[in-house]
All heavy atoms as atom14 arrays in JSON, in Angstrom:
{
  "sequence": "SNQRHSGFLPEERAWLDTLFDEVGWVDAFRRLVQAPEEYTWWSHRGQ",
  "atom14_mask": [
    [1, 1, 1, 1, 1, 1, 0, 0, 0, 0, 0, 0, 0, 0],
    [1, 1, 1, 1, 1, 1, 1, 1, 0, 0, 0, 0, 0, 0],
    [1, 1, 1, 1, 1, 1, 1, 1, 1, 0, 0, 0, 0, 0],
    [1, 1, 1, 1, 1, 1, 1, 1, 1, 1, 1, 0, 0, 0],
    [1, 1, 1, 1, 1, 1, 1, 1, 1, 1, 0, 0, 0, 0],
    [1, 1, 1, 1, 1, 1, 0, 0, 0, 0, 0, 0, 0, 0],
    [1, 1, 1, 1, 0, 0, 0, 0, 0, 0, 0, 0, 0, 0],
    [1, 1, 1, 1, 1, 1, 1, 1, 1, 1, 1, 0, 0, 0],
    [1, 1, 1, 1, 1, 1, 1, 1, 0, 0, 0, 0, 0, 0],
    [1, 1, 1, 1, 1, 1, 1, 0, 0, 0, 0, 0, 0, 0],
    [1, 1, 1, 1, 1, 1, 1, 1, 1, 0, 0, 0, 0, 0],
    [1, 1, 1, 1, 1, 1, 1, 1, 1, 0, 0, 0, 0, 0],
    [1, 1, 1, 1, 1, 1, 1, 1, 1, 1, 1, 0, 0, 0],
    [1, 1, 1, 1, 1, 0, 0, 0, 0, 0, 0, 0, 0, 0],
    [1, 1, 1, 1, 1, 1, 1, 1, 1, 1, 1, 1, 1, 1],
    [1, 1, 1, 1, 1, 1, 1, 1, 0, 0, 0, 0, 0, 0],
    [1, 1, 1, 1, 1, 1, 1, 1, 0, 0, 0, 0, 0, 0],
    [1, 1, 1, 1, 1, 1, 1, 0, 0, 0, 0, 0, 0, 0],
    [1, 1, 1, 1, 1, 1, 1, 1, 0, 0, 0, 0, 0, 0],
    [1, 1, 1, 1, 1, 1, 1, 1, 1, 1, 1, 0, 0, 0],
    [1, 1, 1, 1, 1, 1, 1, 1, 0, 0, 0, 0, 0, 0],
    [1, 1, 1, 1, 1, 1, 1, 1, 1, 0, 0, 0, 0, 0],
    [1, 1, 1, 1, 1, 1, 1, 0, 0, 0, 0, 0, 0, 0],
    [1, 1, 1, 1, 0, 0, 0, 0, 0, 0, 0, 0, 0, 0],
    [1, 1, 1, 1, 1, 1, 1, 1, 1, 1, 1, 1, 1, 1],
    [1, 1, 1, 1, 1, 1, 1, 0, 0, 0, 0, 0, 0, 0],
    [1, 1, 1, 1, 1, 1, 1, 1, 0, 0, 0, 0, 0, 0],
    [1, 1, 1, 1, 1, 0, 0, 0, 0, 0, 0, 0, 0, 0],
    [1, 1, 1, 1, 1, 1, 1, 1, 1, 1, 1, 0, 0, 0],
    [1, 1, 1, 1, 1, 1, 1, 1, 1, 1, 1, 0, 0, 0],
    [1, 1, 1, 1, 1, 1, 1, 1, 1, 1, 1, 0, 0, 0],
    [1, 1, 1, 1, 1, 1, 1, 1, 0, 0, 0, 0, 0, 0],
    [1, 1, 1, 1, 1, 1, 1, 0, 0, 0, 0, 0, 0, 0],
    [1, 1, 1, 1, 1, 1, 1, 1, 1, 0, 0, 0, 0, 0],
    [1, 1, 1, 1, 1, 0, 0, 0, 0, 0, 0, 0, 0, 0],
    [1, 1, 1, 1, 1, 1, 1, 0, 0, 0, 0, 0, 0, 0],
    [1, 1, 1, 1, 1, 1, 1, 1, 1, 0, 0, 0, 0, 0],
    [1, 1, 1, 1, 1, 1, 1, 1, 1, 0, 0, 0, 0, 0],
    [1, 1, 1, 1, 1, 1, 1, 1, 1, 1, 1, 1, 0, 0],
    [1, 1, 1, 1, 1, 1, 1, 0, 0, 0, 0, 0, 0, 0],
    [1, 1, 1, 1, 1, 1, 1, 1, 1, 1, 1, 1, 1, 1],
    [1, 1, 1, 1, 1, 1, 1, 1, 1, 1, 1, 1, 1, 1],
    [1, 1, 1, 1, 1, 1, 0, 0, 0, 0, 0, 0, 0, 0],
    [1, 1, 1, 1, 1, 1, 1, 1, 1, 1, 0, 0, 0, 0],
    [1, 1, 1, 1, 1, 1, 1, 1, 1, 1, 1, 0, 0, 0],
    [1, 1, 1, 1, 0, 0, 0, 0, 0, 0, 0, 0, 0, 0],
    [1, 1, 1, 1, 1, 1, 1, 1, 1, 0, 0, 0, 0, 0]
  ],
  "atom14_positions": [
    [[-158.72, 99.67, 169.2], [-159.68, 99.09, 168.3], [-160.15, 100.06, 167.19], [-160.86, 99.67, 166.28], [-160.89, 98.61, 169.07], [-161.55, 99.67, 169.76], [0.0, 0.0, 0.0], [0.0, 0.0, 0.0], [0.0, 0.0, 0.0], [0.0, 0.0, 0.0], [0.0, 0.0, 0.0], [0.0, 0.0, 0.0], [0.0, 0.0, 0.0], [0.0, 0.0, 0.0]],
    [[-159.68, 101.35, 167.27], [-160.11, 102.33, 166.22], [-159.01, 102.73, 165.28], [-159.23, 103.67, 164.54], [-160.66, 103.54, 166.97], [-162.06, 103.35, 167.46], [-163.01, 103.26, 166.67], [-162.23, 103.31, 168.77], [0.0, 0.0, 0.0], [0.0, 0.0, 0.0], [0.0, 0.0, 0.0], [0.0, 0.0, 0.0], [0.0, 0.0, 0.0], [0.0, 0.0, 0.0]],
    [[-157.9, 102.01, 165.28], [-156.81, 102.49, 164.43], [-157.12, 102.29, 162.91], [-156.41, 102.89, 162.11], [-155.51, 101.68, 164.78], [-155.04, 102.03, 166.2], [-153.75, 101.23, 166.59], [-152.65, 101.61, 166.3], [-154.04, 100.14, 167.25], [0.0, 0.0, 0.0], [0.0, 0.0, 0.0], [0.0, 0.0, 0.0], [0.0, 0.0, 0.0], [0.0, 0.0, 0.0]],
    [[-158.13, 101.53, 162.6], [-158.48, 101.38, 161.15], [-159.8, 102.1, 160.89], [-160.43, 101.96, 159.82], [-158.62, 99.88, 160.79], [-157.3, 99.17, 160.93], [-157.46, 97.71, 160.4], [-156.2, 97.03, 160.48], [-156.0, 95.75, 160.1], [-157.05, 95.0, 159.6], [-154.84, 95.18, 160.18], [0.0, 0.0, 0.0], [0.0, 0.0, 0.0], [0.0, 0.0, 0.0]],
    [[-160.22, 102.98, 161.76], [-161.44, 103.67, 161.59], [-161.23, 105.13, 161.28], [-160.28, 105.72, 161.85], [-162.35, 103.55, 162.81], [-162.85, 102.19, 163.12], [-163.54, 101.84, 164.27], [-162.82, 101.01, 162.32], [-163.87, 100.51, 164.24], [-163.42, 100.07, 163.06], [0.0, 0.0, 0.0], [0.0, 0.0, 0.0], [0.0, 0.0, 0.0], [0.0, 0.0, 0.0]],
    [[-162.07, 105.76, 160.42], [-161.96, 107.14, 160.15], [-162.02, 107.95, 161.4], [-162.79, 107.67, 162.31], [-163.14, 107.57, 159.21], [-162.99, 108.96, 158.93], [0.0, 0.0, 0.0], [0.0, 0.0, 0.0], [0.0, 0.0, 0.0], [0.0, 0.0, 0.0], [0.0, 0.0, 0.0], [0.0, 0.0, 0.0], [0.0, 0.0, 0.0], [0.0, 0.0, 0.0]],
    [[-161.1, 108.93, 161.45], [-160.98, 109.77, 162.66], [-159.76, 109.35, 163.49], [-159.31, 110.22, 164.32], [0.0, 0.0, 0.0], [0.0, 0.0, 0.0], [0.0, 0.0, 0.0], [0.0, 0.0, 0.0], [0.0, 0.0, 0.0], [0.0, 0.0, 0.0], [0.0, 0.0, 0.0], [0.0, 0.0, 0.0], [0.0, 0.0, 0.0], [0.0, 0.0, 0.0]],
    [[-159.19, 108.2, 163.25], [-157.97, 107.81, 163.97], [-157.07, 107.03, 163.04], [-156.29, 106.24, 163.45], [-158.3, 107.02, 165.22], [-157.15, 106.95, 166.27], [-156.67, 108.17, 166.76], [-156.6, 105.74, 166.63], [-155.59, 108.11, 167.7], [-155.58, 105.69, 167.55], [-155.09, 106.89, 168.1], [0.0, 0.0, 0.0], [0.0, 0.0, 0.0], [0.0, 0.0, 0.0]],
    [[-157.24, 107.22, 161.73], [-156.35, 106.54, 160.8], [-154.97, 107.09, 160.83], [-154.75, 108.29, 161.12], [-156.95, 106.71, 159.37], [-158.31, 106.02, 159.15], [-158.83, 106.44, 157.74], [-158.13, 104.48, 159.21], [0.0, 0.0, 0.0], [0.0, 0.0, 0.0], [0.0, 0.0, 0.0], [0.0, 0.0, 0.0], [0.0, 0.0, 0.0], [0.0, 0.0, 0.0]],
    [[-153.97, 106.28, 160.54], [-152.54, 106.79, 160.57], [-152.35, 108.0, 159.72], [-151.63, 108.94, 160.11], [-151.75, 105.63, 160.12], [-152.6, 104.39, 160.44], [-154.02, 104.82, 160.3], [0.0, 0.0, 0.0], [0.0, 0.0, 0.0], [0.0, 0.0, 0.0], [0.0, 0.0, 0.0], [0.0, 0.0, 0.0], [0.0, 0.0, 0.0], [0.0, 0.0, 0.0]],
    [[-152.96, 108.01, 158.52], [-152.74, 109.15, 157.61], [-153.35, 110.42, 158.18], [-152.79, 111.52, 158.0], [-153.43, 108.81, 156.23], [-152.82, 107.63, 155.53], [-153.42, 106.31, 155.96], [-154.19, 106.29, 156.9], [-153.1, 105.3, 155.31], [0.0, 0.0, 0.0], [0.0, 0.0, 0.0], [0.0, 0.0, 0.0], [0.0, 0.0, 0.0], [0.0, 0.0, 0.0]],
    [[-154.53, 110.3, 158.87], [-155.07, 111.52, 159.42], [-154.3, 112.05, 160.62], [-154.09, 113.25, 160.73], [-156.53, 111.15, 159.96], [-157.46, 110.73, 158.87], [-158.76, 110.14, 159.4], [-158.75, 109.57, 160.56], [-159.77, 110.25, 158.76], [0.0, 0.0, 0.0], [0.0, 0.0, 0.0], [0.0, 0.0, 0.0], [0.0, 0.0, 0.0], [0.0, 0.0, 0.0]],
    [[-153.8, 111.17, 161.43], [-152.97, 111.56, 162.57], [-151.65, 112.15, 162.1], [-151.18, 113.12, 162.68], [-152.75, 110.38, 163.49], [-154.06, 109.78, 164.06], [-153.78, 108.47, 164.71], [-152.86, 108.53, 165.82], [-152.16, 107.49, 166.3], [-152.34, 106.32, 165.74], [-151.34, 107.71, 167.29], [0.0, 0.0, 0.0], [0.0, 0.0, 0.0], [0.0, 0.0, 0.0]],
    [[-151.09, 111.58, 161.04], [-149.88, 112.14, 160.45], [-150.14, 113.58, 159.92], [-149.15, 114.39, 159.98], [-149.36, 111.24, 159.36], [0.0, 0.0, 0.0], [0.0, 0.0, 0.0], [0.0, 0.0, 0.0], [0.0, 0.0, 0.0], [0.0, 0.0, 0.0], [0.0, 0.0, 0.0], [0.0, 0.0, 0.0], [0.0, 0.0, 0.0], [0.0, 0.0, 0.0]],
    [[-151.32, 113.83, 159.39], [-151.63, 115.13, 158.94], [-151.55, 116.15, 160.07], [-150.99, 117.23, 159.94], [-153.0, 115.09, 158.33], [-153.44, 116.42, 157.67], [-153.21, 116.78, 156.37], [-154.12, 117.54, 158.3], [-153.76, 118.02, 156.11], [-154.3, 118.48, 157.26], [-154.63, 117.77, 159.55], [-154.91, 119.75, 157.53], [-155.23, 118.97, 159.79], [-155.4, 119.95, 158.78]],
    [[-152.09, 115.77, 161.24], [-151.96, 116.65, 162.44], [-150.55, 116.77, 162.88], [-150.04, 117.81, 163.36], [-152.83, 116.14, 163.59], [-154.31, 116.4, 163.42], [-155.08, 115.79, 164.6], [-154.71, 117.88, 163.24], [0.0, 0.0, 0.0], [0.0, 0.0, 0.0], [0.0, 0.0, 0.0], [0.0, 0.0, 0.0], [0.0, 0.0, 0.0], [0.0, 0.0, 0.0]],
    [[-149.77, 115.68, 162.83], [-148.31, 115.76, 163.16], [-147.65, 116.85, 162.31], [-146.86, 117.69, 162.79], [-147.61, 114.42, 162.91], [-148.0, 113.37, 163.96], [-148.5, 113.75, 165.04], [-147.8, 112.18, 163.68], [0.0, 0.0, 0.0], [0.0, 0.0, 0.0], [0.0, 0.0, 0.0], [0.0, 0.0, 0.0], [0.0, 0.0, 0.0], [0.0, 0.0, 0.0]],
    [[-147.91, 116.83, 161.03], [-147.37, 117.82, 160.12], [-147.81, 119.19, 160.46], [-147.0, 120.21, 160.5], [-147.67, 117.5, 158.64], [-147.17, 116.21, 158.28], [-147.15, 118.52, 157.69], [0.0, 0.0, 0.0], [0.0, 0.0, 0.0], [0.0, 0.0, 0.0], [0.0, 0.0, 0.0], [0.0, 0.0, 0.0], [0.0, 0.0, 0.0], [0.0, 0.0, 0.0]],
    [[-149.09, 119.38, 160.78], [-149.61, 120.65, 161.07], [-148.92, 121.26, 162.33], [-148.56, 122.45, 162.31], [-151.1, 120.54, 161.34], [-151.87, 121.8, 161.68], [-151.93, 122.75, 160.43], [-153.28, 121.53, 162.17], [0.0, 0.0, 0.0], [0.0, 0.0, 0.0], [0.0, 0.0, 0.0], [0.0, 0.0, 0.0], [0.0, 0.0, 0.0], [0.0, 0.0, 0.0]],
    [[-148.75, 120.43, 163.36], [-148.2, 120.91, 164.56], [-146.62, 120.98, 164.54], [-145.99, 121.91, 164.99], [-148.69, 120.09, 165.75], [-150.17, 120.06, 165.98], [-150.84, 118.89, 166.23], [-150.84, 121.24, 165.78], [-152.25, 118.98, 166.49], [-152.26, 121.25, 165.96], [-152.94, 120.08, 166.36], [0.0, 0.0, 0.0], [0.0, 0.0, 0.0], [0.0, 0.0, 0.0]],
    [[-146.04, 119.88, 164.09], [-144.56, 119.74, 164.27], [-143.79, 120.44, 163.09], [-142.7, 120.91, 163.36], [-144.15, 118.27, 164.28], [-144.81, 117.52, 165.48], [-145.17, 118.2, 166.47], [-144.97, 116.27, 165.39], [0.0, 0.0, 0.0], [0.0, 0.0, 0.0], [0.0, 0.0, 0.0], [0.0, 0.0, 0.0], [0.0, 0.0, 0.0], [0.0, 0.0, 0.0]],
    [[-144.38, 120.48, 161.91], [-143.67, 121.05, 160.78], [-144.14, 122.51, 160.46], [-143.33, 123.4, 160.34], [-143.83, 120.17, 159.57], [-143.18, 120.71, 158.28], [-143.46, 119.9, 157.07], [-143.54, 118.67, 157.2], [-143.71, 120.44, 156.04], [0.0, 0.0, 0.0], [0.0, 0.0, 0.0], [0.0, 0.0, 0.0], [0.0, 0.0, 0.0], [0.0, 0.0, 0.0]],
    [[-145.46, 122.6, 160.37], [-146.04, 123.95, 160.0], [-146.02, 124.95, 161.1], [-145.98, 126.15, 160.92], [-147.37, 123.77, 159.33], [-147.92, 125.15, 158.8], [-147.31, 122.74, 158.18], [0.0, 0.0, 0.0], [0.0, 0.0, 0.0], [0.0, 0.0, 0.0], [0.0, 0.0, 0.0], [0.0, 0.0, 0.0], [0.0, 0.0, 0.0], [0.0, 0.0, 0.0]],
    [[-146.11, 124.4, 162.38], [-145.98, 125.27, 163.52], [-147.24, 125.76, 164.21], [-147.18, 126.62, 165.07], [0.0, 0.0, 0.0], [0.0, 0.0, 0.0], [0.0, 0.0, 0.0], [0.0, 0.0, 0.0], [0.0, 0.0, 0.0], [0.0, 0.0, 0.0], [0.0, 0.0, 0.0], [0.0, 0.0, 0.0], [0.0, 0.0, 0.0], [0.0, 0.0, 0.0]],
    [[-148.39, 125.11, 163.87], [-149.56, 125.42, 164.58], [-149.61, 124.68, 165.88], [-148.85, 123.75, 166.12], [-150.86, 124.99, 163.74], [-151.07, 125.89, 162.55], [-150.45, 125.67, 161.35], [-151.89, 126.99, 162.43], [-150.86, 126.71, 160.49], [-151.72, 127.5, 161.06], [-152.78, 127.66, 163.29], [-152.45, 128.58, 160.62], [-153.48, 128.77, 162.84], [-153.32, 129.16, 161.5]],
    [[-150.45, 125.16, 166.83], [-150.45, 124.62, 168.2], [-151.86, 124.11, 168.6], [-152.87, 124.82, 168.37], [-149.94, 125.71, 169.19], [-149.89, 125.07, 170.59], [-148.6, 126.29, 168.83], [0.0, 0.0, 0.0], [0.0, 0.0, 0.0], [0.0, 0.0, 0.0], [0.0, 0.0, 0.0], [0.0, 0.0, 0.0], [0.0, 0.0, 0.0], [0.0, 0.0, 0.0]],
    [[-151.89, 122.95, 169.19], [-153.11, 122.45, 169.8], [-153.23, 123.16, 171.19], [-152.72, 122.7, 172.19], [-153.04, 120.92, 169.96], [-154.25, 120.29, 170.59], [-155.15, 121.05, 171.14], [-154.37, 119.06, 170.58], [0.0, 0.0, 0.0], [0.0, 0.0, 0.0], [0.0, 0.0, 0.0], [0.0, 0.0, 0.0], [0.0, 0.0, 0.0], [0.0, 0.0, 0.0]],
    [[-153.9, 124.28, 171.24], [-153.81, 125.17, 172.42], [-154.48, 124.5, 173.63], [-153.99, 124.74, 174.76], [-154.54, 126.49, 172.07], [0.0, 0.0, 0.0], [0.0, 0.0, 0.0], [0.0, 0.0, 0.0], [0.0, 0.0, 0.0], [0.0, 0.0, 0.0], [0.0, 0.0, 0.0], [0.0, 0.0, 0.0], [0.0, 0.0, 0.0], [0.0, 0.0, 0.0]],
    [[-155.51, 123.75, 173.35], [-156.13, 123.03, 174.53], [-155.11, 122.09, 175.23], [-154.95, 122.08, 176.45], [-157.38, 122.25, 174.08], [-158.07, 121.51, 175.19], [-159.17, 122.14, 175.87], [-157.76, 120.25, 175.55], [-159.83, 121.51, 176.85], [-158.43, 119.55, 176.61], [-159.44, 120.2, 177.27], [0.0, 0.0, 0.0], [0.0, 0.0, 0.0], [0.0, 0.0, 0.0]],
    [[-154.4, 121.26, 174.38], [-153.46, 120.35, 174.98], [-152.24, 121.01, 175.52], [-151.58, 120.45, 176.41], [-153.07, 119.32, 173.93], [-153.9, 118.11, 173.77], [-153.76, 117.17, 175.01], [-154.63, 116.06, 174.95], [-155.5, 115.7, 175.92], [-155.63, 116.49, 177.01], [-156.27, 114.66, 175.74], [0.0, 0.0, 0.0], [0.0, 0.0, 0.0], [0.0, 0.0, 0.0]],
    [[-151.97, 122.24, 175.15], [-150.88, 122.95, 175.78], [-151.18, 123.23, 177.23], [-150.26, 123.24, 178.07], [-150.66, 124.25, 175.01], [-149.51, 125.14, 175.63], [-149.35, 126.44, 174.81], [-148.26, 127.21, 175.35], [-148.42, 128.09, 176.33], [-149.61, 128.33, 176.85], [-147.38, 128.79, 176.8], [0.0, 0.0, 0.0], [0.0, 0.0, 0.0], [0.0, 0.0, 0.0]],
    [[-152.5, 123.37, 177.56], [-152.85, 123.67, 178.97], [-153.37, 122.44, 179.74], [-153.17, 122.37, 180.92], [-154.03, 124.71, 178.91], [-153.66, 126.09, 178.47], [-154.9, 126.99, 178.54], [-152.52, 126.72, 179.19], [0.0, 0.0, 0.0], [0.0, 0.0, 0.0], [0.0, 0.0, 0.0], [0.0, 0.0, 0.0], [0.0, 0.0, 0.0], [0.0, 0.0, 0.0]],
    [[-154.01, 121.56, 179.01], [-154.62, 120.38, 179.65], [-154.04, 119.06, 179.12], [-154.29, 118.74, 177.98], [-156.17, 120.37, 179.39], [-156.78, 119.24, 180.17], [-156.74, 121.7, 179.87], [0.0, 0.0, 0.0], [0.0, 0.0, 0.0], [0.0, 0.0, 0.0], [0.0, 0.0, 0.0], [0.0, 0.0, 0.0], [0.0, 0.0, 0.0], [0.0, 0.0, 0.0]],
    [[-153.24, 118.41, 179.92], [-152.65, 117.11, 179.57], [-153.37, 115.9, 180.07], [-153.0, 114.75, 179.85], [-151.19, 117.07, 179.98], [-150.3, 117.98, 179.21], [-150.22, 119.42, 179.68], [-150.26, 119.7, 180.89], [-150.33, 120.31, 178.71], [0.0, 0.0, 0.0], [0.0, 0.0, 0.0], [0.0, 0.0, 0.0], [0.0, 0.0, 0.0], [0.0, 0.0, 0.0]],
    [[-154.46, 116.17, 180.86], [-155.2, 115.05, 181.48], [-155.86, 114.14, 180.43], [-156.3, 114.66, 179.37], [-156.21, 115.59, 182.42], [0.0, 0.0, 0.0], [0.0, 0.0, 0.0], [0.0, 0.0, 0.0], [0.0, 0.0, 0.0], [0.0, 0.0, 0.0], [0.0, 0.0, 0.0], [0.0, 0.0, 0.0], [0.0, 0.0, 0.0], [0.0, 0.0, 0.0]],
    [[-155.99, 112.84, 180.75], [-156.69, 111.97, 179.8], [-158.22, 112.17, 179.92], [-158.67, 112.86, 180.84], [-156.3, 110.56, 180.24], [-155.98, 110.79, 181.69], [-155.37, 112.12, 181.83], [0.0, 0.0, 0.0], [0.0, 0.0, 0.0], [0.0, 0.0, 0.0], [0.0, 0.0, 0.0], [0.0, 0.0, 0.0], [0.0, 0.0, 0.0], [0.0, 0.0, 0.0]],
    [[-158.94, 111.52, 179.05], [-160.43, 111.48, 179.11], [-161.08, 112.92, 178.98], [-162.17, 113.13, 179.45], [-160.93, 110.78, 180.35], [-160.4, 109.32, 180.41], [-161.02, 108.54, 181.57], [-161.89, 109.11, 182.28], [-160.75, 107.3, 181.63], [0.0, 0.0, 0.0], [0.0, 0.0, 0.0], [0.0, 0.0, 0.0], [0.0, 0.0, 0.0], [0.0, 0.0, 0.0]],
    [[-160.36, 113.78, 178.27], [-160.95, 115.08, 177.96], [-161.58, 115.02, 176.6], [-161.05, 115.58, 175.61], [-159.85, 116.2, 178.04], [-159.31, 116.43, 179.4], [-160.29, 117.2, 180.32], [-161.24, 117.8, 179.76], [-160.12, 117.17, 181.53], [0.0, 0.0, 0.0], [0.0, 0.0, 0.0], [0.0, 0.0, 0.0], [0.0, 0.0, 0.0], [0.0, 0.0, 0.0]],
    [[-162.73, 114.3, 176.51], [-163.32, 114.03, 175.23], [-164.33, 115.13, 174.88], [-164.84, 115.78, 175.78], [-163.97, 112.63, 175.21], [-163.06, 111.55, 175.65], [-163.44, 110.61, 176.66], [-161.76, 111.44, 175.13], [-162.59, 109.55, 177.0], [-160.9, 110.46, 175.55], [-161.31, 109.57, 176.51], [-160.47, 108.52, 176.9], [0.0, 0.0, 0.0], [0.0, 0.0, 0.0]],
    [[-164.7, 115.17, 173.65], [-165.68, 116.2, 173.13], [-166.81, 115.58, 172.3], [-167.7, 116.34, 171.94], [-164.99, 117.32, 172.33], [-164.42, 116.77, 171.11], [-163.81, 117.95, 173.13], [0.0, 0.0, 0.0], [0.0, 0.0, 0.0], [0.0, 0.0, 0.0], [0.0, 0.0, 0.0], [0.0, 0.0, 0.0], [0.0, 0.0, 0.0], [0.0, 0.0, 0.0]],
    [[-166.71, 114.33, 171.96], [-167.75, 113.68, 171.19], [-167.95, 112.26, 171.73], [-167.0, 111.51, 172.05], [-167.37, 113.61, 169.7], [-168.39, 112.8, 168.91], [-169.58, 113.3, 168.39], [-168.3, 111.42, 168.51], [-170.23, 112.27, 167.74], [-169.52, 111.06, 167.83], [-167.37, 110.41, 168.69], [-169.8, 109.86, 167.27], [-167.63, 109.15, 168.21], [-168.8, 108.87, 167.53]],
    [[-169.22, 111.88, 171.75], [-169.6, 110.47, 172.2], [-170.65, 109.93, 171.26], [-171.63, 110.62, 170.9], [-170.2, 110.55, 173.62], [-169.25, 111.12, 174.61], [-168.41, 110.41, 175.48], [-168.94, 112.5, 174.89], [-167.72, 111.25, 176.26], [-167.95, 112.57, 175.89], [-169.44, 113.73, 174.33], [-167.48, 113.76, 176.43], [-168.94, 114.89, 174.86], [-167.92, 114.92, 175.85]],
    [[-170.45, 108.67, 170.9], [-171.49, 108.0, 170.1], [-172.8, 107.9, 170.9], [-172.84, 107.86, 172.12], [-170.95, 106.58, 169.76], [-172.0, 105.83, 169.23], [0.0, 0.0, 0.0], [0.0, 0.0, 0.0], [0.0, 0.0, 0.0], [0.0, 0.0, 0.0], [0.0, 0.0, 0.0], [0.0, 0.0, 0.0], [0.0, 0.0, 0.0], [0.0, 0.0, 0.0]],
    [[-173.88, 107.78, 170.12], [-175.2, 107.53, 170.77], [-175.4, 106.07, 171.18], [-176.3, 105.71, 171.82], [-176.34, 107.97, 169.79], [-176.49, 109.43, 169.69], [-176.74, 110.27, 170.75], [-176.35, 110.19, 168.6], [-176.82, 111.51, 170.34], [-176.57, 111.5, 169.03], [0.0, 0.0, 0.0], [0.0, 0.0, 0.0], [0.0, 0.0, 0.0], [0.0, 0.0, 0.0]],
    [[-174.37, 105.27, 170.79], [-174.5, 103.83, 171.04], [-173.85, 103.41, 172.36], [-172.86, 104.0, 172.79], [-173.9, 103.05, 169.92], [-174.44, 103.32, 168.57], [-173.72, 102.59, 167.46], [-174.19, 102.88, 166.11], [-173.63, 102.45, 165.02], [-172.52, 101.75, 165.01], [-174.14, 102.74, 163.84], [0.0, 0.0, 0.0], [0.0, 0.0, 0.0], [0.0, 0.0, 0.0]],
    [[-174.34, 102.33, 172.93], [-173.66, 101.67, 174.06], [-173.43, 102.54, 175.24], [-172.4, 102.34, 176.0], [0.0, 0.0, 0.0], [0.0, 0.0, 0.0], [0.0, 0.0, 0.0], [0.0, 0.0, 0.0], [0.0, 0.0, 0.0], [0.0, 0.0, 0.0], [0.0, 0.0, 0.0], [0.0, 0.0, 0.0], [0.0, 0.0, 0.0], [0.0, 0.0, 0.0]],
    [[-174.27, 103.49, 175.57], [-174.08, 104.31, 176.79], [-172.74, 105.0, 176.78], [-172.13, 105.18, 177.87], [-174.28, 103.5, 178.03], [-175.69, 102.9, 178.16], [-175.84, 102.16, 179.48], [-175.03, 101.39, 179.92], [-176.99, 102.41, 180.17], [0.0, 0.0, 0.0], [0.0, 0.0, 0.0], [0.0, 0.0, 0.0], [0.0, 0.0, 0.0], [0.0, 0.0, 0.0]]
  ]
}
């Protein structure tokens, strides 16, 4: 439901793809932790 919302737009995600896959930077957290639900931000809405 968030694919058209800022923060998860295709263009934004493609930017990270380029950063990691082409330019060679690494998402160091994901290198160590592959588990789901490792979130870092939560809306104040809806509990």
